[in-house]
Amino acid sequence: MSAARTQCTSSTEEFPFFFDRIHQDIAGSIRSFVMDRLRPDEDELAREGPVGLEAERLRCRVMARRLAEAGLFGLCIPARYGGKLVRHPEAIDVRAVCLAREMLAWASGVADVVFAMQGLGSYPIVLAGTDAQREEFLPAVIDGRSLAAFAITETEAGSDAAAMTTRAVRDDNGYVIDGSKTFISNAGIAGHYVLFAKTKPDAGSRGISAFIIRPEDPGFHFDGPIETLAEHPLGTIRFDRMRVPLSRRLGGEGDGFRIAMGTLDVFRSTVGAAAIGMARRALDEALSRSVTRKQFGKPIAEFQSTQTYLAEMATEIDAARMLIYRAALAKDRGSERVTLEASMAKLYATEVAQRAVDRSLQLHGGLGVVRGTTVERLYREVRALRIYEGTSEIQRVVISSVLTNAERVRLSELPTGATGATDAARASKPDVAKPPSDAPAAEPELRREEDTKPRRITVSLKAVRLDDEKKK
């Protein structure tokens, strides 16, 4: 195994204009945890090889306790509800969550998954829960006593979430739920699940409602784990006339899709941050390997093909980081929707990470496919990031839909006879574009009227620097 570089660095050091002083402090604390406690154990476990599904799930529970002891889960919950205060007590700080995922993923894919799910499975409660629901469920998430889960995917409803068939029927005592969910992270080990089900089957995405369920609810069944390329506690859950009280519905009937999309809008850019953490580790391993490995009498770093790989990896990684923290900064500064920015960040960062890991493995030669080496582990861990929380293909659909809808609005507002404004364009409506059937089709129709107005889609780095100077 190569003598890889040992330091996990933070984006706050290389892109300070995206961050405040508190982000630097948070990054320093996370880096210390990663280097002193997480990385040594994770590297040793990787060398030991596969641990089996049951041991894997136990490992996730242990990891949750370690992350809770380090205070990391508090970043996923606003300070108002017991989380860590970063900048605003009413909201989580997306840049802080991105920093955490970037550094955790650098050291351990398992640590990243456990951390991410505490956020994804609790944010719907933050977003739409009652005070009673927040008091009941969020404290256990913060201190790691309970793992959280986000249950939306079904066998025939992946990217097309509106095609779900799980039913929730209202009766005098609450709801009776029938159906199943699959590819659910933390299935079988979660203390609560945010479940999405149809309350009005013929209403499309507007007929989806959200519920908080527990594994002890009568009619809940864990049908077993799903074995994947890398360690990840996936599984299938089933509901057989499961009874859920009215007090555990999130928001109103029909609010489920809005809650799901609002959650993904926040956490999608953090997936990109995790991807970049893995990509940066791959680059670190590639650099170390390139300057120490000799072939034909010289280090392979002196060959032009190696130099090309290293240069492209470093450039693409930094470009992806800029997209990630642009989206996170926009959300932290109060943008209600960052769908476009988050989709761009998730798409580009996960694609970049896949290329970076593949190139790093290539530079390791035969050693790269040996079980237990870092690049071999990264190769297995990085692949799922281009699929979950919206595939790369869906991100392209979302990006295109936002751009074309904005252009239709622009053309419709031009005066009659203006250059470029055809009769057909003026007659078109901003939300007429219908994505293909595998896209989150209801997102355009749920966008409020003010969200359809054309807007600048960039964050000026110059403006960010000026704002930082004013703070100083």
Protein backbone atom coordinates (compact mmCIF):
# COMPACT_ATOMS: atom_id res chain seq x y z
CA MET A 1 0.00 0.00 0.00
CA SER A 2 1.33 3.46 -0.84
CA ALA A 3 2.43 5.89 1.84
CA ALA A 4 -0.46 8.26 1.20
CA ARG A 5 -0.63 11.84 2.39
CA THR A 6 -1.99 11.89 5.92
CA GLN A 7 -3.81 15.21 6.26
CA CYS A 8 -7.49 15.84 5.65
CA THR A 9 -7.71 19.51 4.69
CA SER A 10 -10.76 21.75 4.75
CA SER A 11 -12.33 23.85 2.00
CA THR A 12 -12.32 26.77 4.46
CA GLU A 13 -8.56 26.98 3.96
CA GLU A 14 -8.60 27.11 0.18
CA PHE A 15 -11.88 28.99 -0.43
CA PRO A 16 -12.13 31.33 2.59
CA PHE A 17 -14.44 33.76 0.79
CA PHE A 18 -17.29 31.24 1.09
CA PHE A 19 -17.05 31.00 4.87
CA ASP A 20 -17.26 32.85 8.18
CA ARG A 21 -14.92 32.41 11.11
CA ILE A 22 -17.30 29.97 12.78
CA HIS A 23 -17.03 27.66 9.75
CA GLN A 24 -13.26 27.62 10.16
CA ASP A 25 -13.68 26.64 13.83
CA ILE A 26 -16.17 23.89 12.93
CA ALA A 27 -13.88 22.58 10.19
CA GLY A 28 -10.95 22.47 12.59
CA SER A 29 -12.94 20.48 15.12
CA ILE A 30 -14.16 17.99 12.48
CA ARG A 31 -10.66 17.61 11.06
CA SER A 32 -9.28 16.75 14.50
CA PHE A 33 -11.99 14.11 14.96
CA VAL A 34 -11.32 12.66 11.50
CA MET A 35 -7.56 12.47 11.87
CA ASP A 36 -7.30 11.46 15.52
CA ARG A 37 -10.23 9.09 15.91
CA LEU A 38 -11.91 8.18 12.64
CA ARG A 39 -9.27 7.60 10.00
CA PRO A 40 -7.01 5.17 11.92
CA ASP A 41 -9.92 2.86 12.74
CA GLU A 42 -11.48 3.06 9.29
CA ASP A 43 -8.24 2.30 7.46
CA GLU A 44 -7.72 -0.75 9.66
CA LEU A 45 -11.29 -1.98 9.09
CA ALA A 46 -10.88 -1.54 5.33
CA ARG A 47 -7.80 -3.78 5.39
CA GLU A 48 -9.75 -6.47 7.25
CA GLY A 49 -12.20 -6.78 4.34
CA PRO A 50 -15.97 -7.56 4.28
CA VAL A 51 -17.64 -7.88 7.68
CA GLY A 52 -21.05 -9.33 6.76
CA LEU A 53 -24.47 -7.68 6.77
CA GLU A 54 -25.21 -8.01 10.47
CA ALA A 55 -21.78 -6.76 11.52
CA GLU A 56 -22.17 -3.93 9.02
CA ARG A 57 -25.41 -2.79 10.63
CA LEU A 58 -23.88 -3.01 14.09
CA ARG A 59 -21.01 -0.89 12.82
CA CYS A 60 -23.45 1.81 11.78
CA ARG A 61 -24.91 1.93 15.29
CA VAL A 62 -21.43 2.24 16.79
CA MET A 63 -20.53 4.93 14.26
CA ALA A 64 -23.67 6.88 15.21
CA ARG A 65 -22.57 6.93 18.83
CA ARG A 66 -19.10 8.15 17.87
CA LEU A 67 -20.46 10.95 15.68
CA ALA A 68 -22.93 11.95 18.39
CA GLU A 69 -20.17 12.11 20.99
CA ALA A 70 -18.25 14.41 18.65
CA GLY A 71 -21.32 16.67 18.46
CA LEU A 72 -21.69 16.32 14.70
CA PHE A 73 -25.40 15.47 14.56
CA GLY A 74 -26.17 18.87 16.03
CA LEU A 75 -25.21 20.36 12.65
CA CYS A 76 -28.26 18.65 11.10
CA ILE A 77 -30.79 20.30 13.45
CA PRO A 78 -31.43 24.05 13.95
CA ALA A 79 -30.34 25.46 17.31
CA ARG A 80 -33.95 26.32 18.13
CA TYR A 81 -34.68 22.58 18.37
CA GLY A 82 -31.52 21.61 20.22
CA GLY A 83 -28.98 21.55 17.41
CA LYS A 84 -25.70 23.45 17.11
CA LEU A 85 -25.90 27.19 16.60
CA VAL A 86 -23.80 28.16 13.59
CA ARG A 87 -25.27 31.41 12.28
CA HIS A 88 -29.09 31.37 12.60
CA PRO A 89 -31.06 29.60 15.35
CA GLU A 90 -33.98 28.89 13.01
CA ALA A 91 -32.07 27.07 10.27
CA ILE A 92 -29.32 24.54 9.74
CA ASP A 93 -26.17 25.90 8.15
CA VAL A 94 -25.75 24.09 4.83
CA ARG A 95 -22.10 25.09 4.48
CA ALA A 96 -21.34 23.48 7.84
CA VAL A 97 -23.13 20.28 6.80
CA CYS A 98 -21.19 20.26 3.52
CA LEU A 99 -17.89 20.70 5.37
CA ALA A 100 -18.77 17.80 7.66
CA ARG A 101 -19.70 15.48 4.79
CA GLU A 102 -16.63 16.45 2.76
CA MET A 103 -14.23 15.58 5.59
CA LEU A 104 -16.10 12.51 6.86
CA ALA A 105 -16.28 11.03 3.35
CA TRP A 106 -12.54 11.66 2.93
CA ALA A 107 -11.97 9.14 5.72
CA SER A 108 -15.01 6.85 5.74
CA GLY A 109 -18.01 6.25 3.53
CA VAL A 110 -19.83 4.64 6.47
CA ALA A 111 -19.35 7.73 8.65
CA ASP A 112 -20.71 9.91 5.86
CA VAL A 113 -23.80 7.75 5.33
CA VAL A 114 -24.64 7.66 9.05
CA PHE A 115 -24.21 11.43 9.35
CA ALA A 116 -26.20 12.19 6.19
CA MET A 117 -29.15 10.02 7.18
CA GLN A 118 -29.52 11.76 10.53
CA GLY A 119 -30.07 14.94 8.53
CA LEU A 120 -32.19 13.53 5.72
CA GLY A 121 -34.44 11.60 8.09
CA SER A 122 -34.98 14.48 10.50
CA TYR A 123 -35.16 17.57 8.30
CA PRO A 124 -38.77 16.88 7.19
CA ILE A 125 -39.70 17.11 10.89
CA VAL A 126 -37.78 20.39 11.16
CA LEU A 127 -39.48 21.64 8.00
CA ALA A 128 -43.10 20.63 8.62
CA GLY A 129 -43.39 19.10 12.07
CA THR A 130 -45.38 20.39 15.01
CA ASP A 131 -43.62 21.47 18.19
CA ALA A 132 -44.75 18.22 19.80
CA GLN A 133 -43.28 16.14 16.96
CA ARG A 134 -39.98 18.01 17.11
CA GLU A 135 -39.76 17.56 20.88
CA GLU A 136 -40.50 13.85 20.57
CA PHE A 137 -38.13 12.89 17.76
CA LEU A 138 -35.29 15.39 17.31
CA PRO A 139 -33.43 15.07 20.66
CA ALA A 140 -32.84 11.34 20.06
CA VAL A 141 -31.42 12.15 16.61
CA ILE A 142 -28.98 14.70 18.01
CA ASP A 143 -27.57 12.44 20.73
CA GLY A 144 -27.46 9.36 18.50
CA ARG A 145 -29.95 7.30 20.52
CA SER A 146 -32.12 6.89 17.43
CA LEU A 147 -31.14 6.53 13.78
CA ALA A 148 -33.34 8.31 11.23
CA ALA A 149 -34.60 7.16 7.83
CA PHE A 150 -36.24 8.73 4.76
CA ALA A 151 -38.64 6.26 3.10
CA ILE A 152 -39.81 7.34 -0.34
CA THR A 153 -38.43 4.83 -2.89
CA GLU A 154 -40.45 1.86 -4.12
CA THR A 155 -39.72 -0.94 -6.55
CA GLU A 156 -41.61 0.86 -9.35
CA ALA A 157 -41.22 4.40 -8.04
CA GLY A 158 -37.61 5.54 -8.02
CA SER A 159 -36.95 8.77 -9.88
CA ASP A 160 -40.69 9.02 -10.57
CA ALA A 161 -41.72 9.40 -6.93
CA ALA A 162 -45.26 10.35 -7.90
CA ALA A 163 -45.76 6.77 -9.15
CA MET A 164 -45.65 5.37 -5.61
CA THR A 165 -48.42 2.97 -4.67
CA THR A 166 -48.11 2.86 -0.88
CA ARG A 167 -51.54 3.92 0.43
CA ALA A 168 -52.55 5.75 3.58
CA VAL A 169 -56.31 5.63 4.21
CA ARG A 170 -57.86 7.92 6.80
CA ASP A 171 -60.22 6.52 9.41
CA ASP A 172 -61.56 7.72 12.76
CA ASN A 173 -58.34 6.79 14.60
CA GLY A 174 -55.76 8.11 12.13
CA TYR A 175 -54.43 6.29 9.08
CA VAL A 176 -54.11 2.71 7.88
CA ILE A 177 -51.07 2.25 5.64
CA ASP A 178 -50.39 -0.57 3.17
CA GLY A 179 -47.45 -0.97 0.81
CA SER A 180 -43.68 -1.26 0.86
CA LYS A 181 -40.51 0.77 0.42
CA THR A 182 -37.13 -0.44 -0.80
CA PHE A 183 -33.52 0.80 -0.99
CA ILE A 184 -34.13 2.54 2.33
CA SER A 185 -31.01 3.60 4.21
CA ASN A 186 -31.07 2.51 7.87
CA ALA A 187 -33.90 0.07 7.17
CA GLY A 188 -34.18 -2.29 10.11
CA ILE A 189 -32.04 -0.18 12.45
CA ALA A 190 -33.81 3.21 12.36
CA GLY A 191 -35.76 4.43 15.38
CA HIS A 192 -38.09 6.42 13.15
CA TYR A 193 -38.83 6.74 9.44
CA VAL A 194 -40.28 9.68 7.53
CA LEU A 195 -42.65 7.81 5.25
CA PHE A 196 -44.29 9.13 2.08
CA ALA A 197 -47.58 7.57 0.97
CA LYS A 198 -50.55 8.33 -1.26
CA THR A 199 -53.62 9.69 0.51
CA LYS A 200 -55.27 10.65 -2.79
CA PRO A 201 -54.17 8.09 -5.40
CA ASP A 202 -55.58 10.00 -8.38
CA ALA A 203 -54.00 13.35 -7.51
CA GLY A 204 -50.46 12.59 -8.64
CA SER A 205 -47.78 14.28 -6.57
CA ARG A 206 -50.42 16.43 -4.87
CA GLY A 207 -51.90 13.27 -3.37
CA ILE A 208 -48.75 12.35 -1.41
CA SER A 209 -48.63 12.88 2.35
CA ALA A 210 -45.81 12.42 4.86
CA PHE A 211 -45.86 10.52 8.15
CA ILE A 212 -43.50 9.70 10.99
CA ILE A 213 -43.54 5.99 11.73
CA ARG A 214 -41.78 3.75 14.23
CA PRO A 215 -40.68 0.13 13.76
CA GLU A 216 -42.87 -0.90 16.70
CA ASP A 217 -46.03 0.37 14.98
CA PRO A 218 -48.45 -2.58 14.48
CA GLY A 219 -48.20 -3.75 10.87
CA PHE A 220 -44.60 -2.60 10.30
CA HIS A 221 -42.26 -5.27 8.90
CA PHE A 222 -38.56 -5.26 8.06
CA ASP A 223 -38.21 -7.61 5.09
CA GLY A 224 -34.44 -7.79 5.20
CA PRO A 225 -31.21 -6.03 4.21
CA ILE A 226 -29.96 -5.42 0.68
CA GLU A 227 -26.30 -6.19 0.04
CA THR A 228 -24.51 -3.51 -1.99
CA LEU A 229 -21.06 -2.82 -3.44
CA ALA A 230 -19.96 -0.84 -0.39
CA GLU A 231 -21.05 -0.93 3.23
CA HIS A 232 -24.44 0.76 3.38
CA PRO A 233 -27.36 -0.28 5.61
CA LEU A 234 -30.00 -0.60 2.88
CA GLY A 235 -33.13 -2.67 3.19
CA THR A 236 -36.81 -3.16 2.41
CA ILE A 237 -39.70 -2.35 4.76
CA ARG A 238 -43.34 -3.35 4.41
CA PHE A 239 -46.64 -2.15 5.88
CA ASP A 240 -49.58 -4.48 6.40
CA ARG A 241 -52.53 -2.43 7.63
CA MET A 242 -50.10 -0.45 9.75
CA ARG A 243 -51.90 2.01 12.00
CA VAL A 244 -50.47 5.50 12.44
CA PRO A 245 -52.17 8.14 14.60
CA LEU A 246 -53.17 11.47 13.11
CA SER A 247 -50.62 13.16 15.40
CA ARG A 248 -47.81 11.64 13.32
CA ARG A 249 -48.78 13.11 9.99
CA LEU A 250 -46.31 15.77 8.86
CA GLY A 251 -48.03 18.90 7.58
CA GLY A 252 -51.39 18.64 5.86
CA GLU A 253 -52.71 15.99 3.53
CA GLY A 254 -51.08 16.41 0.15
CA ASP A 255 -48.00 18.21 1.52
CA GLY A 256 -45.74 15.17 1.25
CA PHE A 257 -44.14 15.87 -2.11
CA ARG A 258 -43.45 19.48 -1.18
CA ILE A 259 -41.82 18.31 2.07
CA ALA A 260 -39.70 15.73 0.23
CA MET A 261 -38.53 18.20 -2.42
CA GLY A 262 -37.85 20.86 0.21
CA THR A 263 -35.66 18.40 2.08
CA LEU A 264 -33.77 17.29 -1.02
CA ASP A 265 -33.30 20.93 -2.05
CA VAL A 266 -31.24 21.42 1.11
CA PHE A 267 -29.34 18.12 1.20
CA ARG A 268 -28.65 17.59 -2.51
CA SER A 269 -25.60 19.86 -2.49
CA THR A 270 -24.26 17.98 0.53
CA VAL A 271 -24.17 14.79 -1.56
CA GLY A 272 -21.80 16.66 -3.85
CA ALA A 273 -19.69 17.57 -0.81
CA ALA A 274 -19.39 13.90 0.16
CA ALA A 275 -18.40 13.06 -3.40
CA ILE A 276 -15.66 15.67 -3.32
CA GLY A 277 -14.39 14.29 -0.03
CA MET A 278 -13.92 10.94 -1.73
CA ALA A 279 -12.41 12.59 -4.82
CA ARG A 280 -9.90 14.51 -2.73
CA ARG A 281 -8.86 11.31 -0.93
CA ALA A 282 -8.44 9.66 -4.33
CA LEU A 283 -6.24 12.55 -5.47
CA ASP A 284 -4.16 12.34 -2.28
CA GLU A 285 -3.61 8.63 -2.87
CA ALA A 286 -2.78 9.22 -6.55
CA LEU A 287 -0.24 11.94 -5.76
CA SER A 288 1.52 9.79 -3.18
CA ARG A 289 1.57 6.80 -5.50
CA SER A 290 2.82 8.83 -8.46
CA VAL A 291 5.88 10.30 -6.76
CA THR A 292 6.94 7.08 -5.00
CA ARG A 293 6.18 4.42 -7.62
CA LYS A 294 8.99 3.96 -10.15
CA GLN A 295 8.76 2.37 -13.57
CA PHE A 296 11.32 2.45 -16.36
CA GLY A 297 13.78 4.00 -13.95
CA LYS A 298 11.78 7.07 -12.87
CA PRO A 299 8.69 8.01 -10.83
CA ILE A 300 5.48 7.60 -12.79
CA ALA A 301 4.70 11.25 -11.93
CA GLU A 302 7.21 12.19 -14.64
CA PHE A 303 5.15 10.56 -17.40
CA GLN A 304 2.91 12.95 -19.31
CA SER A 305 -0.15 10.70 -19.09
CA THR A 306 0.14 10.67 -15.29
CA GLN A 307 0.55 14.45 -15.22
CA THR A 308 -2.58 14.82 -17.33
CA TYR A 309 -4.59 12.68 -14.92
CA LEU A 310 -3.37 14.59 -11.87
CA ALA A 311 -3.97 18.01 -13.44
CA GLU A 312 -7.49 17.14 -14.57
CA MET A 313 -8.38 15.62 -11.21
CA ALA A 314 -7.21 18.66 -9.24
CA THR A 315 -8.89 21.16 -11.59
CA GLU A 316 -12.23 19.36 -11.72
CA ILE A 317 -12.30 18.85 -7.95
CA ASP A 318 -11.80 22.56 -7.28
CA ALA A 319 -14.44 23.49 -9.86
CA ALA A 320 -16.90 21.12 -8.20
CA ARG A 321 -16.16 22.57 -4.77
CA MET A 322 -17.01 26.03 -6.08
CA LEU A 323 -20.40 24.79 -7.31
CA ILE A 324 -21.10 23.02 -4.01
CA TYR A 325 -20.35 25.98 -1.79
CA ARG A 326 -22.10 28.40 -4.14
CA ALA A 327 -25.30 26.42 -3.66
CA ALA A 328 -24.75 26.12 0.09
CA LEU A 329 -23.98 29.84 0.45
CA ALA A 330 -27.10 30.80 -1.50
CA LYS A 331 -29.25 28.67 0.82
CA ASP A 332 -27.56 30.04 3.94
CA ARG A 333 -28.14 33.60 2.74
CA GLY A 334 -31.87 33.06 2.58
CA SER A 335 -32.71 31.78 -0.90
CA GLU A 336 -35.89 29.79 -0.44
CA ARG A 337 -35.19 27.57 -3.42
CA VAL A 338 -31.75 26.57 -4.71
CA THR A 339 -32.97 23.81 -6.99
CA LEU A 340 -30.83 24.88 -9.93
CA GLU A 341 -27.65 25.49 -7.97
CA ALA A 342 -27.99 22.31 -5.89
CA SER A 343 -28.69 20.15 -8.94
CA MET A 344 -25.67 21.56 -10.77
CA ALA A 345 -23.47 20.93 -7.73
CA LYS A 346 -24.70 17.38 -7.18
CA LEU A 347 -24.45 16.46 -10.86
CA TYR A 348 -20.98 17.82 -11.48
CA ALA A 349 -19.40 16.81 -8.18
CA THR A 350 -20.54 13.18 -8.31
CA GLU A 351 -19.44 12.80 -11.94
CA VAL A 352 -16.07 14.38 -11.11
CA ALA A 353 -15.63 12.09 -8.12
CA GLN A 354 -16.31 9.00 -10.20
CA ARG A 355 -13.64 10.06 -12.71
CA ALA A 356 -11.15 10.98 -9.99
CA VAL A 357 -11.47 7.66 -8.18
CA ASP A 358 -11.22 5.71 -11.45
CA ARG A 359 -8.07 7.58 -12.47
CA SER A 360 -6.52 7.12 -9.06
CA LEU A 361 -7.17 3.39 -9.23
CA GLN A 362 -5.64 3.30 -12.71
CA LEU A 363 -2.48 4.97 -11.42
CA HIS A 364 -2.23 2.30 -8.72
CA GLY A 365 -2.23 -0.45 -11.34
CA GLY A 366 -2.88 -3.94 -10.00
CA LEU A 367 -2.71 -2.72 -6.42
CA GLY A 368 -5.80 -0.61 -7.06
CA VAL A 369 -8.10 -3.63 -7.30
CA VAL A 370 -6.73 -5.40 -4.23
CA ARG A 371 -9.35 -5.66 -1.51
CA GLY A 372 -8.49 -3.44 1.43
CA THR A 373 -6.58 -0.70 -0.37
CA THR A 374 -7.99 2.80 -0.03
CA VAL A 375 -8.66 3.32 -3.73
CA GLU A 376 -10.44 -0.03 -3.96
CA ARG A 377 -12.74 1.02 -1.11
CA LEU A 378 -13.33 4.43 -2.69
CA TYR A 379 -14.16 2.78 -6.01
CA ARG A 380 -16.99 0.87 -4.34
CA GLU A 381 -18.19 3.74 -2.16
CA VAL A 382 -18.35 6.50 -4.77
CA ARG A 383 -20.57 4.74 -7.29
CA ALA A 384 -23.89 5.11 -5.44
CA LEU A 385 -23.59 8.90 -5.20
CA ARG A 386 -24.55 9.32 -8.86
CA ILE A 387 -27.81 7.49 -8.12
CA TYR A 388 -29.27 8.40 -4.74
CA GLU A 389 -31.10 11.67 -4.02
CA GLY A 390 -31.61 12.13 -7.75
CA THR A 391 -29.65 10.38 -10.50
CA SER A 392 -27.30 12.31 -12.76
CA GLU A 393 -29.87 11.96 -15.52
CA ILE A 394 -32.59 13.51 -13.35
CA GLN A 395 -30.31 16.37 -12.34
CA ARG A 396 -29.89 17.21 -16.03
CA VAL A 397 -33.67 17.20 -16.47
CA VAL A 398 -34.14 19.48 -13.45
CA ILE A 399 -31.45 21.92 -14.60
CA SER A 400 -32.88 22.10 -18.10
CA SER A 401 -36.44 22.55 -16.81
CA VAL A 402 -35.48 25.48 -14.57
CA LEU A 403 -33.56 27.19 -17.37
CA THR A 404 -36.22 26.74 -20.05
CA ASN A 405 -39.05 27.79 -17.74
CA ALA A 406 -37.17 30.98 -16.91
CA GLU A 407 -36.63 31.64 -20.61
CA ARG A 408 -40.35 31.18 -21.35
CA VAL A 409 -41.16 33.73 -18.67
CA ARG A 410 -38.65 36.16 -20.14
CA LEU A 411 -40.08 35.81 -23.63
CA SER A 412 -43.69 36.08 -22.44
CA GLU A 413 -42.91 39.42 -20.77
CA LEU A 414 -41.39 41.01 -23.87
CA PRO A 415 -43.61 43.61 -25.60
CA THR A 416 -45.42 42.58 -28.75
CA GLY A 417 -43.11 42.73 -31.73
CA ALA A 418 -39.92 42.69 -29.67
CA THR A 419 -36.98 40.90 -31.24
CA GLY A 420 -36.92 37.22 -30.44
CA ALA A 421 -40.43 37.09 -28.99
CA THR A 422 -42.54 34.94 -31.27
CA ASP A 423 -46.29 34.64 -30.94
CA ALA A 424 -45.85 31.09 -29.74
CA ALA A 425 -43.34 32.14 -27.09
CA ARG A 426 -45.54 34.95 -25.81
CA ALA A 427 -48.46 32.57 -25.60
CA SER A 428 -46.53 29.94 -23.69
CA LYS A 429 -46.78 29.65 -19.92
CA PRO A 430 -43.78 29.26 -17.61
CA ASP A 431 -44.82 25.90 -16.26
CA VAL A 432 -45.96 24.14 -19.43
CA ALA A 433 -42.76 22.13 -19.83
CA LYS A 434 -43.36 18.55 -18.70
CA PRO A 435 -40.26 16.53 -17.81
CA PRO A 436 -40.07 12.93 -18.96
CA SER A 437 -41.87 10.30 -16.92
CA ASP A 438 -38.77 9.43 -14.88
CA ALA A 439 -38.35 13.03 -13.64
CA PRO A 440 -39.76 14.56 -10.46
CA ALA A 441 -42.64 15.80 -12.58
CA ALA A 442 -44.53 17.72 -9.97
CA GLU A 443 -41.72 20.07 -9.04
CA PRO A 444 -42.51 22.66 -11.76
CA GLU A 445 -46.21 22.66 -10.88
CA LEU A 446 -45.48 23.14 -7.18
CA ARG A 447 -43.21 26.13 -7.76
CA ARG A 448 -44.88 29.30 -6.59
CA GLU A 449 -45.49 32.07 -9.08
CA GLU A 450 -42.73 34.27 -7.68
CA ASP A 451 -40.22 31.44 -8.13
CA THR A 452 -40.78 31.42 -11.90
CA LYS A 453 -39.45 34.92 -12.43
CA PRO A 454 -36.07 35.04 -14.17
CA ARG A 455 -33.20 35.46 -11.77
CA ARG A 456 -29.45 35.56 -11.75
CA ILE A 457 -28.15 32.08 -11.07
CA THR A 458 -24.62 32.94 -9.97
CA VAL A 459 -23.14 34.06 -6.70
CA SER A 460 -20.58 36.75 -7.36
CA LEU A 461 -17.30 35.81 -5.72
CA LYS A 462 -16.29 39.47 -5.79
CA ALA A 463 -19.41 40.36 -3.85
CA VAL A 464 -18.67 37.59 -1.36
CA ARG A 465 -15.18 38.95 -0.79
CA LEU A 466 -16.49 42.49 -0.31
CA ASP A 467 -19.05 41.24 2.17
CA ASP A 468 -16.32 39.44 4.11
CA GLU A 469 -14.23 42.63 4.19
CA LYS A 470 -17.17 44.55 5.66
CA LYS A 471 -17.50 41.92 8.42
CA LYS A 472 -13.86 42.37 9.31
